PDB file of all heavy atoms in Angstrom:
ATOM      1  N   GLY A   1      -5.290   4.957  -2.847  1.00  0.00           N
ATOM      2  CA  GLY A   1      -4.184   4.284  -2.472  1.00  0.00           C
ATOM      3  C   GLY A   1      -3.265   5.069  -1.615  1.00  0.00           C
ATOM      4  O   GLY A   1      -3.303   6.293  -1.646  1.00  0.00           O
ATOM      5  N   TRP A   2      -2.401   4.487  -0.804  1.00  0.00           N
ATOM      6  CA  TRP A   2      -1.421   5.111   0.027  1.00  0.00           C
ATOM      7  C   TRP A   2      -0.018   4.561  -0.347  1.00  0.00           C
ATOM      8  O   TRP A   2       0.150   3.345  -0.433  1.00  0.00           O
ATOM      9  CB  TRP A   2      -1.745   4.887   1.561  1.00  0.00           C
ATOM     10  CG  TRP A   2      -2.849   5.705   2.068  1.00  0.00           C
ATOM     11  CD1 TRP A   2      -4.112   5.263   2.103  1.00  0.00           C
ATOM     12  CD2 TRP A   2      -2.846   6.972   2.567  1.00  0.00           C
ATOM     13  NE1 TRP A   2      -4.886   6.282   2.643  1.00  0.00           N
ATOM     14  CE2 TRP A   2      -4.102   7.343   2.903  1.00  0.00           C
ATOM     15  CE3 TRP A   2      -1.766   7.952   2.760  1.00  0.00           C
ATOM     16  CZ2 TRP A   2      -4.361   8.585   3.511  1.00  0.00           C
ATOM     17  CZ3 TRP A   2      -2.047   9.213   3.303  1.00  0.00           C
ATOM     18  CH2 TRP A   2      -3.376   9.439   3.659  1.00  0.00           C
ATOM     19  N   PHE A   3       0.950   5.430  -0.500  1.00  0.00           N
ATOM     20  CA  PHE A   3       2.238   5.122  -0.891  1.00  0.00           C
ATOM     21  C   PHE A   3       3.139   5.672   0.208  1.00  0.00           C
ATOM     22  O   PHE A   3       2.778   6.618   0.889  1.00  0.00           O
ATOM     23  CB  PHE A   3       2.666   5.623  -2.227  1.00  0.00           C
ATOM     24  CG  PHE A   3       2.080   4.904  -3.345  1.00  0.00           C
ATOM     25  CD1 PHE A   3       0.673   5.052  -3.620  1.00  0.00           C
ATOM     26  CD2 PHE A   3       2.784   4.092  -4.215  1.00  0.00           C
ATOM     27  CE1 PHE A   3       0.119   4.402  -4.739  1.00  0.00           C
ATOM     28  CE2 PHE A   3       2.157   3.414  -5.282  1.00  0.00           C
ATOM     29  CZ  PHE A   3       0.821   3.614  -5.530  1.00  0.00           C
ATOM     30  N   ARG A   4       4.292   5.207   0.294  1.00  0.00           N
ATOM     31  CA  ARG A   4       5.227   5.818   1.281  1.00  0.00           C
ATOM     32  C   ARG A   4       6.741   5.823   0.763  1.00  0.00           C
ATOM     33  O   ARG A   4       7.039   4.871  -0.031  1.00  0.00           O
ATOM     34  CB  ARG A   4       5.233   5.176   2.681  1.00  0.00           C
ATOM     35  CG  ARG A   4       5.730   3.740   2.746  1.00  0.00           C
ATOM     36  CD  ARG A   4       5.570   3.239   4.172  1.00  0.00           C
ATOM     37  NE  ARG A   4       6.109   1.894   4.262  1.00  0.00           N
ATOM     38  CZ  ARG A   4       6.052   1.170   5.390  1.00  0.00           C
ATOM     39  NH1 ARG A   4       5.364   1.697   6.455  1.00  0.00           N
ATOM     40  NH2 ARG A   4       6.599  -0.016   5.462  1.00  0.00           N
ATOM     41  N   GLN A   5       7.566   6.678   1.156  1.00  0.00           N
ATOM     42  CA  GLN A   5       8.920   6.691   0.796  1.00  0.00           C
ATOM     43  C   GLN A   5       9.771   6.924   2.043  1.00  0.00           C
ATOM     44  O   GLN A   5       9.791   8.071   2.600  1.00  0.00           O
ATOM     45  CB  GLN A   5       9.221   7.753  -0.344  1.00  0.00           C
ATOM     46  CG  GLN A   5      10.621   7.673  -0.859  1.00  0.00           C
ATOM     47  CD  GLN A   5      10.831   8.504  -2.107  1.00  0.00           C
ATOM     48  OE1 GLN A   5      10.068   9.361  -2.381  1.00  0.00           O
ATOM     49  NE2 GLN A   5      11.820   8.125  -2.901  1.00  0.00           N
ATOM     50  N   ALA A   6      10.511   5.957   2.375  1.00  0.00           N
ATOM     51  CA  ALA A   6      11.371   6.002   3.549  1.00  0.00           C
ATOM     52  C   ALA A   6      12.745   6.592   3.108  1.00  0.00           C
ATOM     53  O   ALA A   6      13.065   6.543   1.892  1.00  0.00           O
ATOM     54  CB  ALA A   6      11.643   4.669   4.153  1.00  0.00           C
ATOM     55  N   PRO A   7      13.495   7.210   3.946  1.00  0.00           N
ATOM     56  CA  PRO A   7      14.774   7.824   3.679  1.00  0.00           C
ATOM     57  C   PRO A   7      15.647   6.813   2.952  1.00  0.00           C
ATOM     58  O   PRO A   7      15.860   5.693   3.504  1.00  0.00           O
ATOM     59  CB  PRO A   7      15.320   8.273   5.052  1.00  0.00           C
ATOM     60  CG  PRO A   7      14.142   8.472   5.923  1.00  0.00           C
ATOM     61  CD  PRO A   7      13.134   7.433   5.423  1.00  0.00           C
ATOM     62  N   GLY A   8      16.152   7.282   1.859  1.00  0.00           N
ATOM     63  CA  GLY A   8      17.067   6.413   1.151  1.00  0.00           C
ATOM     64  C   GLY A   8      16.471   5.225   0.352  1.00  0.00           C
ATOM     65  O   GLY A   8      17.232   4.437  -0.176  1.00  0.00           O
ATOM     66  N   LYS A   9      15.137   5.167   0.357  1.00  0.00           N
ATOM     67  CA  LYS A   9      14.490   4.053  -0.325  1.00  0.00           C
ATOM     68  C   LYS A   9      13.576   4.547  -1.398  1.00  0.00           C
ATOM     69  O   LYS A   9      13.162   5.719  -1.445  1.00  0.00           O
ATOM     70  CB  LYS A   9      13.785   3.227   0.687  1.00  0.00           C
ATOM     71  CG  LYS A   9      14.676   2.482   1.746  1.00  0.00           C
ATOM     72  CD  LYS A   9      13.866   1.532   2.569  1.00  0.00           C
ATOM     73  CE  LYS A   9      14.675   0.786   3.516  1.00  0.00           C
ATOM     74  NZ  LYS A   9      13.919  -0.175   4.403  1.00  0.00           N
ATOM     75  N   GLU A  10      13.128   3.682  -2.283  1.00  0.00           N
ATOM     76  CA  GLU A  10      12.240   3.958  -3.302  1.00  0.00           C
ATOM     77  C   GLU A  10      10.841   4.094  -2.758  1.00  0.00           C
ATOM     78  O   GLU A  10      10.490   3.454  -1.739  1.00  0.00           O
ATOM     79  CB  GLU A  10      12.241   2.898  -4.473  1.00  0.00           C
ATOM     80  CG  GLU A  10      13.543   2.835  -5.217  1.00  0.00           C
ATOM     81  CD  GLU A  10      13.428   1.907  -6.374  1.00  0.00           C
ATOM     82  OE1 GLU A  10      12.462   1.236  -6.535  1.00  0.00           O
ATOM     83  OE2 GLU A  10      14.422   1.855  -7.177  1.00  0.00           O
ATOM     84  N   ARG A  11       9.907   4.895  -3.356  1.00  0.00           N
ATOM     85  CA  ARG A  11       8.631   4.926  -3.039  1.00  0.00           C
ATOM     86  C   ARG A  11       7.841   3.478  -3.207  1.00  0.00           C
ATOM     87  O   ARG A  11       8.152   2.936  -4.234  1.00  0.00           O
ATOM     88  CB  ARG A  11       7.834   6.021  -3.755  1.00  0.00           C
ATOM     89  CG  ARG A  11       6.441   6.279  -3.294  1.00  0.00           C
ATOM     90  CD  ARG A  11       5.824   7.334  -4.208  1.00  0.00           C
ATOM     91  NE  ARG A  11       6.394   8.715  -3.841  1.00  0.00           N
ATOM     92  CZ  ARG A  11       6.955   9.499  -4.748  1.00  0.00           C
ATOM     93  NH1 ARG A  11       7.288   9.096  -5.992  1.00  0.00           N
ATOM     94  NH2 ARG A  11       7.470  10.611  -4.320  1.00  0.00           N
ATOM     95  N   GLU A  12       7.048   3.141  -2.301  1.00  0.00           N
ATOM     96  CA  GLU A  12       6.415   1.857  -2.386  1.00  0.00           C
ATOM     97  C   GLU A  12       4.937   2.065  -2.139  1.00  0.00           C
ATOM     98  O   GLU A  12       4.496   2.887  -1.286  1.00  0.00           O
ATOM     99  CB  GLU A  12       6.938   0.867  -1.418  1.00  0.00           C
ATOM    100  CG  GLU A  12       6.797   1.225   0.068  1.00  0.00           C
ATOM    101  CD  GLU A  12       7.112   0.100   1.073  1.00  0.00           C
ATOM    102  OE1 GLU A  12       7.001  -1.094   0.661  1.00  0.00           O
ATOM    103  OE2 GLU A  12       7.441   0.488   2.217  1.00  0.00           O
ATOM    104  N   GLY A  13       4.090   1.272  -2.743  1.00  0.00           N
ATOM    105  CA  GLY A  13       2.692   1.291  -2.503  1.00  0.00           C
ATOM    106  C   GLY A  13       2.433   0.351  -1.307  1.00  0.00           C
ATOM    107  O   GLY A  13       2.772  -0.766  -1.239  1.00  0.00           O
ATOM    108  N   ILE A  14       1.696   0.802  -0.379  1.00  0.00           N
ATOM    109  CA  ILE A  14       1.468  -0.095   0.785  1.00  0.00           C
ATOM    110  C   ILE A  14      -0.057  -0.470   0.984  1.00  0.00           C
ATOM    111  O   ILE A  14      -0.285  -1.593   1.475  1.00  0.00           O
ATOM    112  CB  ILE A  14       1.872   0.662   2.140  1.00  0.00           C
ATOM    113  CG1 ILE A  14       1.193   2.040   2.196  1.00  0.00           C
ATOM    114  CG2 ILE A  14       3.375   0.737   2.155  1.00  0.00           C
ATOM    115  CD1 ILE A  14       1.429   2.704   3.521  1.00  0.00           C
ATOM    116  N   ALA A  15      -0.923   0.233   0.299  1.00  0.00           N
ATOM    117  CA  ALA A  15      -2.365  -0.226   0.360  1.00  0.00           C
ATOM    118  C   ALA A  15      -3.131   0.579  -0.700  1.00  0.00           C
ATOM    119  O   ALA A  15      -2.912   1.724  -0.896  1.00  0.00           O
ATOM    120  CB  ALA A  15      -2.962   0.137   1.734  1.00  0.00           C
ATOM    121  N   CYS A  16      -3.997  -0.206  -1.437  1.00  0.00           N
ATOM    122  CA  CYS A  16      -4.738   0.368  -2.492  1.00  0.00           C
ATOM    123  C   CYS A  16      -5.987  -0.375  -2.684  1.00  0.00           C
ATOM    124  O   CYS A  16      -5.979  -1.545  -2.539  1.00  0.00           O
ATOM    125  CB  CYS A  16      -3.989   0.708  -3.685  1.00  0.00           C
ATOM    126  SG  CYS A  16      -3.109  -0.802  -4.461  1.00  0.00           S
ATOM    127  N   VAL A  17      -7.076   0.319  -3.111  1.00  0.00           N
ATOM    128  CA  VAL A  17      -8.336  -0.326  -3.388  1.00  0.00           C
ATOM    129  C   VAL A  17      -8.805   0.244  -4.758  1.00  0.00           C
ATOM    130  O   VAL A  17      -8.969   1.420  -4.820  1.00  0.00           O
ATOM    131  CB  VAL A  17      -9.334  -0.088  -2.337  1.00  0.00           C
ATOM    132  CG1 VAL A  17     -10.644  -0.765  -2.544  1.00  0.00           C
ATOM    133  CG2 VAL A  17      -8.756  -0.426  -0.979  1.00  0.00           C
ATOM    134  N   SER A  18      -9.245  -0.637  -5.607  1.00  0.00           N
ATOM    135  CA  SER A  18      -9.874  -0.137  -6.880  1.00  0.00           C
ATOM    136  C   SER A  18     -11.271   0.287  -6.644  1.00  0.00           C
ATOM    137  O   SER A  18     -11.910  -0.045  -5.621  1.00  0.00           O
ATOM    138  CB  SER A  18      -9.868  -1.272  -7.941  1.00  0.00           C
ATOM    139  OG  SER A  18     -10.637  -2.338  -7.600  1.00  0.00           O
ATOM    140  N   ASN A  19     -11.804   1.084  -7.512  1.00  0.00           N
ATOM    141  CA  ASN A  19     -13.201   1.553  -7.315  1.00  0.00           C
ATOM    142  C   ASN A  19     -14.246   0.599  -7.707  1.00  0.00           C
ATOM    143  O   ASN A  19     -15.121   0.311  -6.957  1.00  0.00           O
ATOM    144  CB  ASN A  19     -13.320   2.857  -8.143  1.00  0.00           C
ATOM    145  CG  ASN A  19     -14.685   3.450  -7.963  1.00  0.00           C
ATOM    146  OD1 ASN A  19     -15.122   3.791  -6.854  1.00  0.00           O
ATOM    147  ND2 ASN A  19     -15.393   3.724  -9.074  1.00  0.00           N
ATOM    148  N   ARG A  20     -14.169  -0.032  -8.858  1.00  0.00           N
ATOM    149  CA  ARG A  20     -15.269  -0.702  -9.512  1.00  0.00           C
ATOM    150  C   ARG A  20     -15.525  -1.999  -8.786  1.00  0.00           C
ATOM    151  O   ARG A  20     -16.583  -2.398  -8.375  1.00  0.00           O
ATOM    152  CB  ARG A  20     -15.120  -0.858 -10.991  1.00  0.00           C
ATOM    153  CG  ARG A  20     -16.286  -1.539 -11.642  1.00  0.00           C
ATOM    154  CD  ARG A  20     -16.151  -1.518 -13.085  1.00  0.00           C
ATOM    155  NE  ARG A  20     -17.303  -2.171 -13.772  1.00  0.00           N
ATOM    156  CZ  ARG A  20     -17.416  -2.348 -15.079  1.00  0.00           C
ATOM    157  NH1 ARG A  20     -16.430  -2.042 -15.861  1.00  0.00           N
ATOM    158  NH2 ARG A  20     -18.450  -2.931 -15.618  1.00  0.00           N
ATOM    159  N   HIS A  21     -14.331  -2.811  -8.671  1.00  0.00           N
ATOM    160  CA  HIS A  21     -14.542  -4.116  -8.099  1.00  0.00           C
ATOM    161  C   HIS A  21     -13.868  -4.320  -6.672  1.00  0.00           C
ATOM    162  O   HIS A  21     -13.941  -5.388  -6.201  1.00  0.00           O
ATOM    163  CB  HIS A  21     -13.826  -5.152  -8.999  1.00  0.00           C
ATOM    164  CG  HIS A  21     -14.432  -5.206 -10.404  1.00  0.00           C
ATOM    165  ND1 HIS A  21     -15.687  -5.562 -10.661  1.00  0.00           N
ATOM    166  CD2 HIS A  21     -13.855  -4.857 -11.633  1.00  0.00           C
ATOM    167  CE1 HIS A  21     -15.945  -5.468 -11.953  1.00  0.00           C
ATOM    168  NE2 HIS A  21     -14.844  -5.043 -12.547  1.00  0.00           N
ATOM    169  N   GLN A  22     -13.480  -3.159  -6.111  1.00  0.00           N
ATOM    170  CA  GLN A  22     -12.909  -3.221  -4.756  1.00  0.00           C
ATOM    171  C   GLN A  22     -11.786  -4.208  -4.652  1.00  0.00           C
ATOM    172  O   GLN A  22     -11.613  -4.843  -3.619  1.00  0.00           O
ATOM    173  CB  GLN A  22     -13.992  -3.530  -3.772  1.00  0.00           C
ATOM    174  CG  GLN A  22     -15.079  -2.446  -3.711  1.00  0.00           C
ATOM    175  CD  GLN A  22     -14.669  -1.059  -3.151  1.00  0.00           C
ATOM    176  OE1 GLN A  22     -14.301  -0.944  -1.963  1.00  0.00           O
ATOM    177  NE2 GLN A  22     -14.516  -0.120  -4.009  1.00  0.00           N
ATOM    178  N   ARG A  23     -10.965  -4.314  -5.703  1.00  0.00           N
ATOM    179  CA  ARG A  23      -9.763  -5.163  -5.549  1.00  0.00           C
ATOM    180  C   ARG A  23      -8.896  -4.402  -4.568  1.00  0.00           C
ATOM    181  O   ARG A  23      -8.674  -3.278  -4.634  1.00  0.00           O
ATOM    182  CB  ARG A  23      -9.162  -5.362  -6.943  1.00  0.00           C
ATOM    183  CG  ARG A  23      -9.940  -6.186  -7.916  1.00  0.00           C
ATOM    184  CD  ARG A  23      -9.304  -6.238  -9.307  1.00  0.00           C
ATOM    185  NE  ARG A  23      -7.982  -6.725  -9.154  1.00  0.00           N
ATOM    186  CZ  ARG A  23      -7.090  -6.723 -10.266  1.00  0.00           C
ATOM    187  NH1 ARG A  23      -7.458  -6.149 -11.413  1.00  0.00           N
ATOM    188  NH2 ARG A  23      -5.943  -7.312 -10.124  1.00  0.00           N
ATOM    189  N   THR A  24      -8.164  -5.271  -3.767  1.00  0.00           N
ATOM    190  CA  THR A  24      -7.403  -4.614  -2.714  1.00  0.00           C
ATOM    191  C   THR A  24      -5.961  -5.279  -2.708  1.00  0.00           C
ATOM    192  O   THR A  24      -5.808  -6.429  -2.954  1.00  0.00           O
ATOM    193  CB  THR A  24      -8.006  -4.903  -1.311  1.00  0.00           C
ATOM    194  OG1 THR A  24      -9.364  -4.241  -1.324  1.00  0.00           O
ATOM    195  CG2 THR A  24      -7.263  -4.208  -0.256  1.00  0.00           C
ATOM    196  N   TYR A  25      -4.998  -4.371  -2.420  1.00  0.00           N
ATOM    197  CA  TYR A  25      -3.655  -4.875  -2.099  1.00  0.00           C
ATOM    198  C   TYR A  25      -3.211  -4.172  -0.813  1.00  0.00           C
ATOM    199  O   TYR A  25      -3.372  -3.008  -0.637  1.00  0.00           O
ATOM    200  CB  TYR A  25      -2.651  -4.486  -3.249  1.00  0.00           C
ATOM    201  CG  TYR A  25      -1.240  -4.684  -2.884  1.00  0.00           C
ATOM    202  CD1 TYR A  25      -0.623  -5.993  -2.920  1.00  0.00           C
ATOM    203  CD2 TYR A  25      -0.514  -3.628  -2.260  1.00  0.00           C
ATOM    204  CE1 TYR A  25       0.567  -6.204  -2.525  1.00  0.00           C
ATOM    205  CE2 TYR A  25       0.851  -3.884  -1.867  1.00  0.00           C
ATOM    206  CZ  TYR A  25       1.361  -5.111  -2.024  1.00  0.00           C
ATOM    207  OH  TYR A  25       2.704  -5.355  -1.591  1.00  0.00           O
ATOM    208  N   VAL A  26      -2.567  -5.027   0.058  1.00  0.00           N
ATOM    209  CA  VAL A  26      -2.020  -4.415   1.261  1.00  0.00           C
ATOM    210  C   VAL A  26      -0.608  -5.160   1.331  1.00  0.00           C
ATOM    211  O   VAL A  26      -0.444  -6.349   1.329  1.00  0.00           O
ATOM    212  CB  VAL A  26      -2.815  -4.786   2.518  1.00  0.00           C
ATOM    213  CG1 VAL A  26      -2.157  -4.243   3.733  1.00  0.00           C
ATOM    214  CG2 VAL A  26      -4.277  -4.184   2.424  1.00  0.00           C
ATOM    215  N   SER A  27       0.401  -4.289   1.494  1.00  0.00           N
ATOM    216  CA  SER A  27       1.720  -4.748   1.641  1.00  0.00           C
ATOM    217  C   SER A  27       1.957  -5.651   2.803  1.00  0.00           C
ATOM    218  O   SER A  27       1.354  -5.494   3.876  1.00  0.00           O
ATOM    219  CB  SER A  27       2.713  -3.694   1.730  1.00  0.00           C
ATOM    220  OG  SER A  27       4.015  -3.993   2.022  1.00  0.00           O
ATOM    221  N   ASP A  28       2.705  -6.759   2.649  1.00  0.00           N
ATOM    222  CA  ASP A  28       3.017  -7.680   3.803  1.00  0.00           C
ATOM    223  C   ASP A  28       3.634  -6.908   4.948  1.00  0.00           C
ATOM    224  O   ASP A  28       3.411  -7.283   6.125  1.00  0.00           O
ATOM    225  CB  ASP A  28       3.913  -8.748   3.289  1.00  0.00           C
ATOM    226  CG  ASP A  28       3.194  -9.796   2.467  1.00  0.00           C
ATOM    227  OD1 ASP A  28       2.018  -9.825   2.420  1.00  0.00           O
ATOM    228  OD2 ASP A  28       3.903 -10.614   1.796  1.00  0.00           O
ATOM    229  N   SER A  29       4.347  -5.809   4.611  1.00  0.00           N
ATOM    230  CA  SER A  29       5.011  -5.062   5.704  1.00  0.00           C
ATOM    231  C   SER A  29       4.061  -4.375   6.665  1.00  0.00           C
ATOM    232  O   SER A  29       4.450  -4.072   7.773  1.00  0.00           O
ATOM    233  CB  SER A  29       5.957  -4.152   5.107  1.00  0.00           C
ATOM    234  OG  SER A  29       5.351  -3.164   4.329  1.00  0.00           O
ATOM    235  N   VAL A  30       2.860  -4.157   6.193  1.00  0.00           N
ATOM    236  CA  VAL A  30       1.876  -3.426   7.017  1.00  0.00           C
ATOM    237  C   VAL A  30       0.601  -4.176   7.295  1.00  0.00           C
ATOM    238  O   VAL A  30      -0.277  -3.772   7.987  1.00  0.00           O
ATOM    239  CB  VAL A  30       1.465  -2.042   6.429  1.00  0.00           C
ATOM    240  CG1 VAL A  30       2.731  -1.171   6.156  1.00  0.00           C
ATOM    241  CG2 VAL A  30       0.739  -2.281   5.143  1.00  0.00           C
ATOM    242  N   LYS A  31       0.459  -5.352   6.664  1.00  0.00           N
ATOM    243  CA  LYS A  31      -0.743  -6.186   6.823  1.00  0.00           C
ATOM    244  C   LYS A  31      -0.998  -6.533   8.284  1.00  0.00           C
ATOM    245  O   LYS A  31      -0.212  -6.863   9.003  1.00  0.00           O
ATOM    246  CB  LYS A  31      -0.611  -7.418   5.999  1.00  0.00           C
ATOM    247  CG  LYS A  31      -1.890  -8.184   5.704  1.00  0.00           C
ATOM    248  CD  LYS A  31      -1.728  -9.289   4.779  1.00  0.00           C
ATOM    249  CE  LYS A  31      -1.462  -8.785   3.368  1.00  0.00           C
ATOM    250  NZ  LYS A  31      -1.300  -9.795   2.338  1.00  0.00           N
ATOM    251  N   GLY A  32      -2.273  -6.297   8.638  1.00  0.00           N
ATOM    252  CA  GLY A  32      -2.638  -6.500  10.025  1.00  0.00           C
ATOM    253  C   GLY A  32      -2.480  -5.331  10.932  1.00  0.00           C
ATOM    254  O   GLY A  32      -2.904  -5.231  12.045  1.00  0.00           O
ATOM    255  N   ARG A  33      -1.744  -4.337  10.448  1.00  0.00           N
ATOM    256  CA  ARG A  33      -1.462  -3.166  11.231  1.00  0.00           C
ATOM    257  C   ARG A  33      -2.039  -1.874  10.624  1.00  0.00           C
ATOM    258  O   ARG A  33      -2.484  -0.955  11.299  1.00  0.00           O
ATOM    259  CB  ARG A  33       0.071  -2.894  11.428  1.00  0.00           C
ATOM    260  CG  ARG A  33       0.730  -4.007  12.092  1.00  0.00           C
ATOM    261  CD  ARG A  33       2.274  -3.663  12.392  1.00  0.00           C
ATOM    262  NE  ARG A  33       2.984  -3.442  11.174  1.00  0.00           N
ATOM    263  CZ  ARG A  33       3.666  -2.209  10.923  1.00  0.00           C
ATOM    264  NH1 ARG A  33       3.538  -1.245  11.767  1.00  0.00           N
ATOM    265  NH2 ARG A  33       4.313  -2.076   9.770  1.00  0.00           N
ATOM    266  N   PHE A  34      -2.137  -1.788   9.336  1.00  0.00           N
ATOM    267  CA  PHE A  34      -2.634  -0.613   8.587  1.00  0.00           C
ATOM    268  C   PHE A  34      -3.921  -0.982   7.934  1.00  0.00           C
ATOM    269  O   PHE A  34      -4.136  -2.071   7.332  1.00  0.00           O
ATOM    270  CB  PHE A  34      -1.692  -0.122   7.481  1.00  0.00           C
ATOM    271  CG  PHE A  34      -0.379   0.383   8.020  1.00  0.00           C
ATOM    272  CD1 PHE A  34       0.066   0.331   9.306  1.00  0.00           C
ATOM    273  CD2 PHE A  34       0.419   1.137   7.131  1.00  0.00           C
ATOM    274  CE1 PHE A  34       1.283   0.907   9.820  1.00  0.00           C
ATOM    275  CE2 PHE A  34       1.590   1.731   7.533  1.00  0.00           C
ATOM    276  CZ  PHE A  34       2.004   1.590   8.880  1.00  0.00           C
TER     277      PHE A  34
END
């Protein structure tokens, strides 16, 4: 997984993939770009 923390904001998960079933999450803020 990749997380990020912008200045003055909380850390957020932006993309992650599980190992066994390859479940995936991609944040709407980066979808299509990352």
